[in-house]
């Protein structure tokens, strides 16, 4: 089954190999694409890249399982675990969401001021490395197709 994974925020799409985290860069969690958010202090809302059920939701990350059982993880920033004060959760575990529904709000530059990467990897969990198809690179807007699986 082909699933379109949509960009969860505006920014610059880049290969996972450019993410400064060896687990995401090696696609150990799954194949996908990352987005480097815009250079802004403004609040940015990260939206659901697919429709489905939120099975995990942390201030910095979410897992959505589609109706066909595909798990999609998005992780807001690198090494942002434990930095809950810079994120605002906009949904709840167990919520049924449509692609484009708000999940998390944050300021990309607040993450960068901590010396951390604001990159947002979006991966299909447990997929084989390199299995993301029709990947996009360069400027993207929230809701545009990021890749297919």
Foldseek 3Di string as FASTA:
>chain_A
DKDFFWFQFWAWKAALCPFPDVCSNQQVFAGFIKGQHDQWQDKTFGWGRAWAFWQDADQFKTWGAHPVGWIKIKGFWPPCVPVNVQKDADDDHGDGDHTGHTGMIGGQVVQVVVVTGRMITIGGGPYDYPPWAPADGTTDGTGHGHTMD
